[in-house]
Amino acid sequence: MISGISLTSSTELLIRSLATVVAMLAPTTAWEAFLGHYRSGFALKAQYAPLASAALLTVAGVAALISPSQWGTALQIVGGLGILSGLIGAGYHHYYGIVEKPGGYHWLLHHLMYHAPPFAPLSHVALGALLMLTGSLVQGSPPIFGIAMRQWIVYLCAITLAGTVAQSLILHYRGAFNNLLMYLPATFPLLASVALIWYGLSPAPFTETFTVTCLWVTFLIGFVGVGMHIRGVDRQMGGFYIGWANLWQGPPITAPLFFSGFSAAALAVIRWG
């Protein structure tokens, strides 16, 4: 822990907002990782890693929310651990979900749809990076490669939204897009990702208005997705009467919250950055 640093009110609000996003999303990643790894019987000890990583991210997010002018170095350390955990997890998912499977890359689309989700561990990379950048804001770190921390957060949100879109479309393709709402990730969330890059490169009143509009719609789409995923679990045979089993087989209930969370983070940067 470092001694308190004097922050402007807007910077403090931004730090609290980003910390809230991390503190709320990290437990959802732990929940989804637990379901997926429990289903496979925790065959590898490394499958417990995302649970520990998510716990650290959550605690760090709560600490920054309570004391936004402190913990800068600690946030960066925990963020780095989150990034490392996510990258290792992505490597495991790639190897055991694609390379080791029959057919390997020749059956790439099949493995992407039915085996370890390739982008799921990268959620910890995104949250870890967001926490690291939050720690940099606390410390008042100088720009990196001439790019301010707030701009890095904008780009991070854009990349995270694009990755979430990609993962959702893979799984919605597996579900044959049997509901028109399953096309939603390809609409405003994808537009929001592109708009954030545009805004980061060329901030102007029009680009800001367009980006904010896309982000607010994307924020709402995340909650619509949660509702639809709950419906998807309930539509499994037995519904919530055998909820534990259907939680394994149905759509990940909390996954769409990444649309809402990183939209909120980007909106906070635009509002208080």
Foldseek 3Di string as FASTA:
>chain_A
DDDFDDDDPLLLLLLLLLLVLQLVVLVLLLVVLCLQCVVVVVPDVLSCVSNVLSVLSNVLSVVCNVRVLDCLVVLLVSLVSLLVSLVVVLVVCLCVQAVPDPPHVPCVLVSCQPGRPNCSSCVSNLSSVSSNLSSCSSVVPDDDVPADSLLVLLLSLLVLLVSLLVSLVSNCVVVVVPDVLSCVSVPLSNVLSVLSVVCSVPPDPVSLVSNLVSLVVLLVSLVVQLVVQLVQLQPPVCRCVVSSVSCSVTDSNNSSNSSNSSSSSNVSSSVSD
